[in-house]
Amino acid sequence: MYWGFWGFGPGLWGVLGGLLWIVIWALLIWGLIRWFAFGYRRRSFYHPDQPPGAPSALEILRQRYARGDIDAATFEQMRERLEHAGGPRE
């Protein structure tokens, strides 16, 4: 009885088929991990010393400027400092 395809036999195709499924599953798992990790990075920054829902430093700075506590030059200077310090960019 002839089981082979071009003479390779069922063993080689069984191994290649198994490897193909392993690659498919690995790519699927990798894609899900990347998708969930990207979704986590899209959310707002979390700082352990800042409770959830608290305004960011940049938001507080904007509120102070809106209330008139600081002038435009001070606002720009402090905003640049926050951005260069690695704070969230908005």
N, C-alpha and C. Protein backbone atom coordinates (compact mmCIF):
# COMPACT_ATOMS: atom_id res chain seq x y z
N MET A 1 0.85 -1.16 0.00
CA MET A 1 0.00 0.00 0.00
C MET A 1 0.90 1.24 0.00
N TYR A 2 0.54 2.25 -0.81
CA TYR A 2 1.36 3.45 -0.95
C TYR A 2 0.80 4.56 -0.04
N TRP A 3 1.56 4.91 1.00
CA TRP A 3 1.14 5.95 1.94
C TRP A 3 1.86 7.27 1.71
N GLY A 4 2.92 7.29 1.02
CA GLY A 4 3.75 8.48 0.89
C GLY A 4 3.24 9.46 -0.14
N PHE A 5 3.77 10.65 -0.06
CA PHE A 5 3.49 11.70 -1.03
C PHE A 5 4.84 12.11 -1.57
N TRP A 6 5.13 11.79 -2.81
CA TRP A 6 6.42 12.00 -3.44
C TRP A 6 7.51 11.20 -2.72
N GLY A 7 7.11 10.15 -2.06
CA GLY A 7 8.08 9.26 -1.46
C GLY A 7 8.54 9.64 -0.06
N PHE A 8 7.96 10.66 0.56
CA PHE A 8 8.40 11.06 1.89
C PHE A 8 7.81 10.17 2.98
N GLY A 9 6.66 9.63 2.79
CA GLY A 9 6.01 8.80 3.80
C GLY A 9 5.20 9.65 4.77
N PRO A 10 4.32 8.99 5.53
CA PRO A 10 3.44 9.72 6.44
C PRO A 10 4.19 10.33 7.62
N GLY A 11 5.35 9.83 7.97
CA GLY A 11 6.08 10.33 9.13
C GLY A 11 6.51 11.77 8.98
N LEU A 12 7.08 12.11 7.83
CA LEU A 12 7.55 13.48 7.61
C LEU A 12 6.40 14.47 7.59
N TRP A 13 5.31 14.14 6.92
CA TRP A 13 4.17 15.05 6.85
C TRP A 13 3.49 15.18 8.20
N GLY A 14 3.52 14.12 8.99
CA GLY A 14 2.97 14.21 10.34
C GLY A 14 3.77 15.16 11.21
N VAL A 15 5.10 15.09 11.09
CA VAL A 15 5.96 16.01 11.85
C VAL A 15 5.78 17.44 11.37
N LEU A 16 5.76 17.65 10.05
CA LEU A 16 5.58 19.01 9.52
C LEU A 16 4.22 19.57 9.90
N GLY A 17 3.19 18.74 9.86
CA GLY A 17 1.85 19.19 10.27
C GLY A 17 1.81 19.58 11.74
N GLY A 18 2.48 18.80 12.57
CA GLY A 18 2.55 19.12 14.00
C GLY A 18 3.30 20.41 14.25
N LEU A 19 4.41 20.59 13.54
CA LEU A 19 5.18 21.84 13.68
C LEU A 19 4.37 23.05 13.21
N LEU A 20 3.61 22.85 12.16
CA LEU A 20 2.77 23.93 11.66
C LEU A 20 1.76 24.37 12.71
N TRP A 21 1.13 23.41 13.39
CA TRP A 21 0.17 23.76 14.43
C TRP A 21 0.86 24.43 15.62
N ILE A 22 2.05 24.01 15.96
CA ILE A 22 2.80 24.65 17.05
C ILE A 22 3.09 26.09 16.69
N VAL A 23 3.51 26.35 15.46
CA VAL A 23 3.79 27.72 15.02
C VAL A 23 2.52 28.56 15.03
N ILE A 24 1.42 28.00 14.58
CA ILE A 24 0.15 28.74 14.58
C ILE A 24 -0.26 29.11 16.00
N TRP A 25 -0.19 28.17 16.92
CA TRP A 25 -0.55 28.46 18.32
C TRP A 25 0.40 29.48 18.93
N ALA A 26 1.70 29.36 18.65
CA ALA A 26 2.67 30.31 19.20
C ALA A 26 2.39 31.72 18.69
N LEU A 27 2.08 31.87 17.40
CA LEU A 27 1.76 33.19 16.86
C LEU A 27 0.47 33.74 17.45
N LEU A 28 -0.50 32.89 17.66
CA LEU A 28 -1.75 33.33 18.27
C LEU A 28 -1.53 33.83 19.69
N ILE A 29 -0.78 33.08 20.48
CA ILE A 29 -0.49 33.49 21.86
C ILE A 29 0.33 34.77 21.87
N TRP A 30 1.33 34.87 21.00
CA TRP A 30 2.15 36.08 20.92
C TRP A 30 1.28 37.29 20.55
N GLY A 31 0.38 37.12 19.58
CA GLY A 31 -0.48 38.22 19.18
C GLY A 31 -1.41 38.67 20.29
N LEU A 32 -1.96 37.72 21.05
CA LEU A 32 -2.83 38.09 22.17
C LEU A 32 -2.06 38.83 23.26
N ILE A 33 -0.86 38.38 23.54
CA ILE A 33 -0.04 39.06 24.55
C ILE A 33 0.26 40.49 24.10
N ARG A 34 0.65 40.65 22.84
CA ARG A 34 0.94 42.00 22.32
C ARG A 34 -0.31 42.88 22.35
N TRP A 35 -1.46 42.31 22.01
CA TRP A 35 -2.69 43.09 21.97
C TRP A 35 -3.07 43.57 23.36
N PHE A 36 -2.99 42.68 24.36
CA PHE A 36 -3.33 43.08 25.72
C PHE A 36 -2.29 44.03 26.30
N ALA A 37 -1.02 43.83 25.99
CA ALA A 37 0.02 44.72 26.49
C ALA A 37 -0.15 46.11 25.88
N PHE A 38 -0.48 46.19 24.61
CA PHE A 38 -0.69 47.49 23.98
C PHE A 38 -1.89 48.19 24.58
N GLY A 39 -2.94 47.45 24.88
CA GLY A 39 -4.12 48.03 25.51
C GLY A 39 -3.81 48.58 26.88
N TYR A 40 -2.92 47.91 27.62
CA TYR A 40 -2.53 48.40 28.93
C TYR A 40 -1.74 49.70 28.82
N ARG A 41 -0.89 49.80 27.79
CA ARG A 41 -0.09 51.01 27.63
C ARG A 41 -0.92 52.19 27.19
N ARG A 42 -2.06 51.93 26.54
CA ARG A 42 -2.92 53.03 26.10
C ARG A 42 -3.63 53.70 27.26
N ARG A 43 -3.81 52.99 28.35
CA ARG A 43 -4.52 53.57 29.49
C ARG A 43 -3.66 54.66 30.12
N SER A 44 -4.27 55.45 30.98
CA SER A 44 -3.54 56.54 31.61
C SER A 44 -2.45 55.98 32.51
N PHE A 45 -1.46 56.79 32.73
CA PHE A 45 -0.32 56.37 33.54
C PHE A 45 -0.76 56.16 34.99
N TYR A 46 -0.23 55.14 35.61
CA TYR A 46 -0.52 54.86 37.01
C TYR A 46 0.74 55.09 37.82
N HIS A 47 0.62 55.89 38.84
CA HIS A 47 1.74 56.15 39.74
C HIS A 47 1.35 55.59 41.11
N PRO A 48 2.21 54.75 41.70
CA PRO A 48 1.86 54.12 42.98
C PRO A 48 1.58 55.13 44.09
N ASP A 49 2.23 56.29 44.07
CA ASP A 49 2.03 57.27 45.13
C ASP A 49 0.81 58.16 44.87
N GLN A 50 0.15 57.98 43.75
CA GLN A 50 -1.01 58.80 43.40
C GLN A 50 -2.25 57.91 43.36
N PRO A 51 -3.26 58.23 44.15
CA PRO A 51 -4.47 57.39 44.14
C PRO A 51 -5.17 57.45 42.79
N PRO A 52 -5.87 56.37 42.42
CA PRO A 52 -6.59 56.37 41.14
C PRO A 52 -7.63 57.48 41.10
N GLY A 53 -7.73 58.13 39.97
CA GLY A 53 -8.69 59.20 39.80
C GLY A 53 -8.16 60.57 40.20
N ALA A 54 -6.96 60.63 40.79
CA ALA A 54 -6.37 61.91 41.17
C ALA A 54 -5.83 62.59 39.91
N PRO A 55 -5.90 63.92 39.85
CA PRO A 55 -5.40 64.62 38.66
C PRO A 55 -3.88 64.53 38.55
N SER A 56 -3.40 64.53 37.31
CA SER A 56 -1.95 64.48 37.09
C SER A 56 -1.34 65.85 37.41
N ALA A 57 -0.03 65.88 37.46
CA ALA A 57 0.68 67.13 37.76
C ALA A 57 0.39 68.18 36.68
N LEU A 58 0.32 67.73 35.44
CA LEU A 58 0.04 68.66 34.35
C LEU A 58 -1.38 69.21 34.46
N GLU A 59 -2.31 68.39 34.87
CA GLU A 59 -3.69 68.86 35.05
C GLU A 59 -3.78 69.87 36.19
N ILE A 60 -3.07 69.61 37.26
CA ILE A 60 -3.05 70.56 38.38
C ILE A 60 -2.45 71.88 37.92
N LEU A 61 -1.38 71.80 37.12
CA LEU A 61 -0.75 73.01 36.60
C LEU A 61 -1.74 73.79 35.73
N ARG A 62 -2.47 73.09 34.89
CA ARG A 62 -3.47 73.76 34.05
C ARG A 62 -4.57 74.42 34.89
N GLN A 63 -4.99 73.76 35.95
CA GLN A 63 -6.01 74.34 36.82
C GLN A 63 -5.49 75.60 37.50
N ARG A 64 -4.24 75.57 37.96
CA ARG A 64 -3.66 76.77 38.60
C ARG A 64 -3.59 77.92 37.62
N TYR A 65 -3.22 77.62 36.38
CA TYR A 65 -3.16 78.67 35.35
C TYR A 65 -4.55 79.22 35.05
N ALA A 66 -5.53 78.33 34.98
CA ALA A 66 -6.91 78.76 34.70
C ALA A 66 -7.47 79.62 35.83
N ARG A 67 -7.10 79.32 37.07
CA ARG A 67 -7.58 80.13 38.21
C ARG A 67 -6.86 81.47 38.30
N GLY A 68 -5.72 81.60 37.61
CA GLY A 68 -4.95 82.84 37.68
C GLY A 68 -3.90 82.83 38.76
N ASP A 69 -3.60 81.66 39.34
CA ASP A 69 -2.57 81.57 40.38
C ASP A 69 -1.18 81.82 39.81
N ILE A 70 -0.95 81.46 38.55
CA ILE A 70 0.35 81.66 37.91
C ILE A 70 0.14 82.34 36.57
N ASP A 71 1.20 83.02 36.10
CA ASP A 71 1.10 83.71 34.80
C ASP A 71 1.53 82.77 33.68
N ALA A 72 1.42 83.25 32.43
CA ALA A 72 1.69 82.42 31.26
C ALA A 72 3.15 81.96 31.20
N ALA A 73 4.09 82.85 31.54
CA ALA A 73 5.50 82.49 31.49
C ALA A 73 5.82 81.38 32.49
N THR A 74 5.27 81.50 33.70
CA THR A 74 5.49 80.47 34.72
C THR A 74 4.85 79.15 34.30
N PHE A 75 3.65 79.23 33.71
CA PHE A 75 2.97 78.02 33.24
C PHE A 75 3.81 77.30 32.21
N GLU A 76 4.31 78.03 31.21
CA GLU A 76 5.12 77.40 30.15
C GLU A 76 6.40 76.80 30.72
N GLN A 77 7.04 77.51 31.63
CA GLN A 77 8.28 77.01 32.22
C GLN A 77 8.03 75.73 33.02
N MET A 78 6.98 75.71 33.81
CA MET A 78 6.68 74.53 34.61
C MET A 78 6.19 73.37 33.74
N ARG A 79 5.43 73.68 32.69
CA ARG A 79 4.98 72.63 31.77
C ARG A 79 6.16 71.95 31.08
N GLU A 80 7.13 72.75 30.63
CA GLU A 80 8.32 72.19 30.00
C GLU A 80 9.11 71.32 30.97
N ARG A 81 9.20 71.75 32.21
CA ARG A 81 9.89 70.94 33.23
C ARG A 81 9.21 69.61 33.43
N LEU A 82 7.87 69.63 33.50
CA LEU A 82 7.13 68.37 33.68
C LEU A 82 7.32 67.45 32.49
N GLU A 83 7.31 67.99 31.29
CA GLU A 83 7.47 67.16 30.10
C GLU A 83 8.87 66.59 30.01
N HIS A 84 9.87 67.35 30.39
CA HIS A 84 11.25 66.84 30.35
C HIS A 84 11.54 65.88 31.50
N ALA A 85 10.74 65.94 32.55
CA ALA A 85 10.94 65.04 33.69
C ALA A 85 10.35 63.66 33.42
N GLY A 86 9.69 63.49 32.29
CA GLY A 86 9.14 62.18 31.95
C GLY A 86 7.70 62.00 32.37
N GLY A 87 7.02 63.07 32.63
CA GLY A 87 5.62 63.00 32.99
C GLY A 87 4.78 62.64 31.78
N PRO A 88 3.51 62.41 31.98
CA PRO A 88 2.64 62.08 30.85
C PRO A 88 2.48 63.25 29.90
N ARG A 89 2.62 63.00 28.63
CA ARG A 89 2.48 64.06 27.64
C ARG A 89 1.04 64.04 27.14
N GLU A 90 0.43 65.18 27.14
CA GLU A 90 -0.97 65.26 26.69
C GLU A 90 -1.07 66.22 25.54
